[in-house]
Every structure is written in C-alpha cells, then in structure tokens.
Amino acid sequence: MSSATMPADPYWSRQEGPWEAIDRADPVIWGAADNGPLTQAEVADFESNGFRYVKSLFSPEENQTFLDEASRLAQAAKPGDTGVIIEPASREVRSVFRIHQTSELFANVASDPRIVNVVRQILGSDVYIHQSRINFKPAFDGKEFFWHSDFETWHVEDGMPRMRAVSVSIGLTENNEFNGPLMVVPGSHKTFIRCPGATPENHFEQSLKKQEYGVPTREAMAMLVEQGGIVAPKGPAGSTLFFECNIMHGSAGNLSPLPRTNLFMVYNSVENAVTDPFGDRPARPTYLAERTFDPISATPFKK
C-alpha cells in the first residue's frame, strides 16, 4: 500500500488483504530513564527486549494471601456471571475479570509501588488500570492462549490509541516448564503485525476462550521468532513479569498435575486513554476495557 493511500491510523488491522509487518510508530520508553526505581541498564534492557522478569517480587506470605483470594473468587464464580470465563471442555473457571473493582485486596495490590513506580517510569506519566483478571490453568485441563499482541486487540476492539501500556503478571503459583508458563518473543514489541480477517460480532464472547481473529499468521510468527527467539520466564510464586503491550506472547496448555494461576493487570497511561474502537465493531464491555481513567496512587500493600 502506498503512503498516499495509507490510512491515518498507523496501527490499522483486520482489513482486507494479507498480513503485514510494520515498525512501531511509538517509543517504548516514554519517561526518563533515571526517573524511577529501574536502573538505566534495566530500562535499556526493557526497551530492547520488551519485558522484565523479577523473581520473588512478592514474599511467600503476601503471595499466599493473593492465592487465597484468587481461589475465593474462583469458587464464587458461576457460568454466566459478568467477567467470568469458563473452559469450554472442562467447565472449570478460565478467567475472572475486573478484579481490581471487585476485590479490595487486589485493588491494593494494583496500587503497590513495586509495580506502579516501575510502570510510571516506563510510560512517563500517571497510569490507570485498563484491565485486570486472574488467569487459571487447572491441572491437566488448562488450555492454551494462542500467540497474540494485546495491543492489536486493545487498539481495534477497545480504542487504545498508542502503544503506551504495560502489562504485569504475578505468578500466584510457581510457573515452570510443565504447567504452561507465559512465553514471549524478545524484541517483537518493535514490530506491529497487521492481522487478516474482519472481526466478527461480539468477538470477545469467543476470543476469551479461544482467539482466532487478531492473531498473527504462522508466517508472521516464524519471522518474529527467527529474529528474537522465544523466552519462557519461570520462577517461584510471587515472581512478576512486566511486559510491553505489543510484545507477542502466548502459552501452551497445562498437561501437568500442577495448576498455574496468574494475576494479570494492565496499566495504561492517562495520556493514552481509550477512545472509540479503531475497528468496525462497538467497544467491548467495561469489564474488559475500563472507561474511567482515574490515576492510581502508589500505596504499599498491607495484608
């Protein structure tokens, strides 16, 4: 497509034609490298690779409190409840969304300075929660999450304008090579993959169980992996992965007898608040994409 006919939106996707890879049009680091808890070397590493993994960021005692709360939410969840996603085959809970609004404990975790100050340093502004959830991968039956860039979905289906968001995943159980740890493609955050295929109506109702639109082609994934490889950060419960909103990531199913439970929160810059979706469908529900943008104050977690 020539520049003369290129749409104003640099990140258009899910239109007619084949997949395409383009360079990102936004910086990775929006703030000053020396304005926050990360060293300049750590900031440079995040800029290059698109993720940061911190083992045992939260203590075993803190993490046990988180895991107990996640278990309580899962036990209370019922099929059909807003924000509750059920595994289609086993009928076990796959995800519980908007936990920063429904759980006082997780609201406190979301404002912990060990997280918030890092995210502010990367994004160069105050931040708000765009989305939060618990992802469960039950022993033996936890299904995969196919490769995807979160930003592609948040842009097309939620209306997130630019790549100025960071996701944080806290392992509430050990993440190891057997129970389906999150996998990332280092450096892939610097390339945006335009995905083929128009978005079906109410796509989110199926995509949260199995995503088939807004995912890269096999050729696109092969290209990205050839350039950057694949890394699966693994560590004990309480370890935390910070990852850039456009990095390609996914996870395999859990065939082991070891459950995998992760707390997942998305921080978006208040200067990047969502607008109307950039696709041709209505915005997804607020349990998937918040429409209020109150900045988070960094407050130490207390049990």
Foldseek 3Di string as FASTA:
>chain_A
DDPVPDDPQPQDFADDDAKDKDFAPDQQFPADCPQFDDHVVRLVQCRQFFKDKFFQPDPLVLLVVVVVVVVVVQVPDDPPPPQWDAAPPPRGTFKRKPCLPVPVQVVLVVQACVPQRVLCRRLVAFKDWFIWMKGKAAAQRGAKQDKAQQVSCCQAAAAQRHQRKKKKKFWSFWDDPAAWFKKWFTRQLRMRMHWYHAQDAPNVNCVVNPNDGRHHDPVVVVVSCVVGNMDGDTHGGGMMMMGGRGIIMMIGHHRHNDMIMMIMTMIGHLVRAGDAHPHDYGHDDCSNTPNDIDGRHRDHRDD
